[in-house]
């Protein structure tokens, strides 16, 4: 058995949850915040049999696309009034970990 840990932007969370549920995957949803862009994220924990990992990863790839996004940054405290142009970064997508589960029980 494997545990798929998928950290996705909130923008994709509901669609991903619907897609997973439509094919019968159960999951646990945790609210989280990204460290770099400081945007809302959702972390989904999906317990699956070994042969279902690829199916879950395909759903995540199809649902959580990356895109270019402009972010504004704050000027350094020692340079007040300095105009800092927006920065273009890759956003969206998902960060996924697949870990071995030694024991699982539903109580």
C-alpha atoms as a PDB file:
ATOM      1  CA  UNK A   1       0.000   0.000   0.000  1.00  0.00           C
ATOM      2  CA  UNK A   2       1.128   3.567  -0.737  1.00  0.00           C
ATOM      3  CA  UNK A   3       0.279   7.000   0.595  1.00  0.00           C
ATOM      4  CA  UNK A   4       0.137   9.703  -2.067  1.00  0.00           C
ATOM      5  CA  UNK A   5       0.643  13.147  -0.542  1.00  0.00           C
ATOM      6  CA  UNK A   6      -0.395  15.819  -3.043  1.00  0.00           C
ATOM      7  CA  UNK A   7       0.116  19.501  -2.262  1.00  0.00           C
ATOM      8  CA  UNK A   8      -1.916  21.580  -4.728  1.00  0.00           C
ATOM      9  CA  UNK A   9      -2.984  25.206  -5.074  1.00  0.00           C
ATOM     10  CA  UNK A  10      -6.466  25.912  -3.743  1.00  0.00           C
ATOM     11  CA  UNK A  11      -7.472  26.814  -7.338  1.00  0.00           C
ATOM     12  CA  UNK A  12      -7.275  23.113  -8.271  1.00  0.00           C
ATOM     13  CA  UNK A  13      -8.369  21.556  -5.007  1.00  0.00           C
ATOM     14  CA  UNK A  14     -12.096  21.119  -5.558  1.00  0.00           C
ATOM     15  CA  UNK A  15     -11.743  19.826  -9.117  1.00  0.00           C
ATOM     16  CA  UNK A  16      -9.050  17.357  -8.025  1.00  0.00           C
ATOM     17  CA  UNK A  17     -11.195  16.147  -5.128  1.00  0.00           C
ATOM     18  CA  UNK A  18     -14.137  15.612  -7.483  1.00  0.00           C
ATOM     19  CA  UNK A  19     -11.967  13.721  -9.990  1.00  0.00           C
ATOM     20  CA  UNK A  20     -10.536  11.457  -7.279  1.00  0.00           C
ATOM     21  CA  UNK A  21     -13.969  10.785  -5.771  1.00  0.00           C
ATOM     22  CA  UNK A  22     -15.487  10.049  -9.208  1.00  0.00           C
ATOM     23  CA  UNK A  23     -13.181   7.023  -9.573  1.00  0.00           C
ATOM     24  CA  UNK A  24     -13.619   5.897  -5.967  1.00  0.00           C
ATOM     25  CA  UNK A  25     -10.457   7.192  -4.291  1.00  0.00           C
ATOM     26  CA  UNK A  26     -10.886   8.285  -0.684  1.00  0.00           C
ATOM     27  CA  UNK A  27      -8.723  11.103   0.609  1.00  0.00           C
ATOM     28  CA  UNK A  28      -8.125  13.312   3.613  1.00  0.00           C
ATOM     29  CA  UNK A  29      -7.926  17.055   2.989  1.00  0.00           C
ATOM     30  CA  UNK A  30      -5.593  19.341   4.965  1.00  0.00           C
ATOM     31  CA  UNK A  31      -5.346  23.124   4.581  1.00  0.00           C
ATOM     32  CA  UNK A  32      -1.778  24.349   4.081  1.00  0.00           C
ATOM     33  CA  UNK A  33       0.096  27.453   2.952  1.00  0.00           C
ATOM     34  CA  UNK A  34       2.912  27.651   0.438  1.00  0.00           C
ATOM     35  CA  UNK A  35       6.213  29.034   1.675  1.00  0.00           C
ATOM     36  CA  UNK A  36       7.366  30.784  -1.510  1.00  0.00           C
ATOM     37  CA  UNK A  37       4.256  32.445  -2.928  1.00  0.00           C
ATOM     38  CA  UNK A  38       2.388  32.351   0.395  1.00  0.00           C
ATOM     39  CA  UNK A  39      -0.783  31.266  -1.354  1.00  0.00           C
ATOM     40  CA  UNK A  40      -3.396  28.894  -0.017  1.00  0.00           C
ATOM     41  CA  UNK A  41      -2.736  25.239  -0.702  1.00  0.00           C
ATOM     42  CA  UNK A  42      -4.550  22.033  -0.039  1.00  0.00           C
ATOM     43  CA  UNK A  43      -2.733  18.855   0.923  1.00  0.00           C
ATOM     44  CA  UNK A  44      -4.548  15.660   0.003  1.00  0.00           C
ATOM     45  CA  UNK A  45      -3.598  12.336   1.566  1.00  0.00           C
ATOM     46  CA  UNK A  46      -4.677   9.447  -0.640  1.00  0.00           C
ATOM     47  CA  UNK A  47      -4.128   5.861   0.501  1.00  0.00           C
ATOM     48  CA  UNK A  48      -4.049   3.455  -2.454  1.00  0.00           C
ATOM     49  CA  UNK A  49      -2.955  -0.030  -3.409  1.00  0.00           C
ATOM     50  CA  UNK A  50       0.368  -0.175  -5.246  1.00  0.00           C
ATOM     51  CA  UNK A  51      -1.318  -0.730  -8.618  1.00  0.00           C
ATOM     52  CA  UNK A  52      -3.461   2.429  -8.227  1.00  0.00           C
ATOM     53  CA  UNK A  53      -0.590   4.916  -7.802  1.00  0.00           C
ATOM     54  CA  UNK A  54      -0.252   5.598 -11.543  1.00  0.00           C
ATOM     55  CA  UNK A  55      -3.992   6.255 -11.833  1.00  0.00           C
ATOM     56  CA  UNK A  56      -3.882   8.828  -9.020  1.00  0.00           C
ATOM     57  CA  UNK A  57      -0.800  10.501 -10.499  1.00  0.00           C
ATOM     58  CA  UNK A  58      -2.493  10.733 -13.913  1.00  0.00           C
ATOM     59  CA  UNK A  59      -5.502  12.459 -12.335  1.00  0.00           C
ATOM     60  CA  UNK A  60      -3.245  14.926 -10.517  1.00  0.00           C
ATOM     61  CA  UNK A  61      -1.249  15.675 -13.702  1.00  0.00           C
ATOM     62  CA  UNK A  62      -4.427  16.216 -15.735  1.00  0.00           C
ATOM     63  CA  UNK A  63      -6.031  18.457 -13.114  1.00  0.00           C
ATOM     64  CA  UNK A  64      -3.164  20.549 -11.688  1.00  0.00           C
ATOM     65  CA  UNK A  65      -1.530  22.392 -14.561  1.00  0.00           C
ATOM     66  CA  UNK A  66       1.343  24.859 -14.172  1.00  0.00           C
ATOM     67  CA  UNK A  67       1.071  28.415 -15.458  1.00  0.00           C
ATOM     68  CA  UNK A  68       3.020  31.666 -15.502  1.00  0.00           C
ATOM     69  CA  UNK A  69       1.958  34.159 -12.842  1.00  0.00           C
ATOM     70  CA  UNK A  70       3.110  37.672 -11.969  1.00  0.00           C
ATOM     71  CA  UNK A  71       3.849  38.379  -8.322  1.00  0.00           C
ATOM     72  CA  UNK A  72       4.732  41.651  -6.691  1.00  0.00           C
ATOM     73  CA  UNK A  73       7.506  41.833  -4.156  1.00  0.00           C
ATOM     74  CA  UNK A  74       8.065  44.266  -1.325  1.00  0.00           C
ATOM     75  CA  UNK A  75      11.085  46.602  -1.443  1.00  0.00           C
ATOM     76  CA  UNK A  76      13.857  45.966   1.071  1.00  0.00           C
ATOM     77  CA  UNK A  77      13.379  47.871   4.362  1.00  0.00           C
ATOM     78  CA  UNK A  78      16.580  49.837   3.778  1.00  0.00           C
ATOM     79  CA  UNK A  79      15.294  51.046   0.373  1.00  0.00           C
ATOM     80  CA  UNK A  80      11.868  52.579   1.071  1.00  0.00           C
ATOM     81  CA  UNK A  81      10.155  54.016  -1.967  1.00  0.00           C
ATOM     82  CA  UNK A  82      12.183  51.913  -4.393  1.00  0.00           C
ATOM     83  CA  UNK A  83       9.896  50.592  -7.125  1.00  0.00           C
ATOM     84  CA  UNK A  84      10.229  46.837  -7.560  1.00  0.00           C
ATOM     85  CA  UNK A  85       8.785  45.438 -10.807  1.00  0.00           C
ATOM     86  CA  UNK A  86       6.579  42.315 -10.701  1.00  0.00           C
ATOM     87  CA  UNK A  87       8.347  38.974 -11.156  1.00  0.00           C
ATOM     88  CA  UNK A  88       7.081  36.220 -13.439  1.00  0.00           C
ATOM     89  CA  UNK A  89       7.093  32.785 -11.769  1.00  0.00           C
ATOM     90  CA  UNK A  90       5.747  29.305 -12.508  1.00  0.00           C
ATOM     91  CA  UNK A  91       2.689  28.637 -10.350  1.00  0.00           C
ATOM     92  CA  UNK A  92       0.130  25.911  -9.956  1.00  0.00           C
ATOM     93  CA  UNK A  93       0.945  22.311 -10.583  1.00  0.00           C
ATOM     94  CA  UNK A  94       1.385  19.988  -7.648  1.00  0.00           C
ATOM     95  CA  UNK A  95       4.075  18.662  -5.375  1.00  0.00           C
ATOM     96  CA  UNK A  96       3.548  14.945  -4.870  1.00  0.00           C
ATOM     97  CA  UNK A  97       5.186  12.439  -2.545  1.00  0.00           C
ATOM     98  CA  UNK A  98       4.521   8.704  -2.740  1.00  0.00           C
ATOM     99  CA  UNK A  99       5.514   6.809   0.386  1.00  0.00           C
ATOM    100  CA  UNK A 100       5.296   3.192   1.443  1.00  0.00           C
ATOM    101  CA  UNK A 101       2.671   2.424   4.099  1.00  0.00           C
ATOM    102  CA  UNK A 102       3.696  -0.256   6.540  1.00  0.00           C
ATOM    103  CA  UNK A 103       0.313  -0.641   8.207  1.00  0.00           C
ATOM    104  CA  UNK A 104      -3.195   0.713   7.571  1.00  0.00           C
ATOM    105  CA  UNK A 105      -6.461   0.353   9.487  1.00  0.00           C
ATOM    106  CA  UNK A 106      -9.823   2.007   9.100  1.00  0.00           C
ATOM    107  CA  UNK A 107     -11.439   2.017  12.533  1.00  0.00           C
END
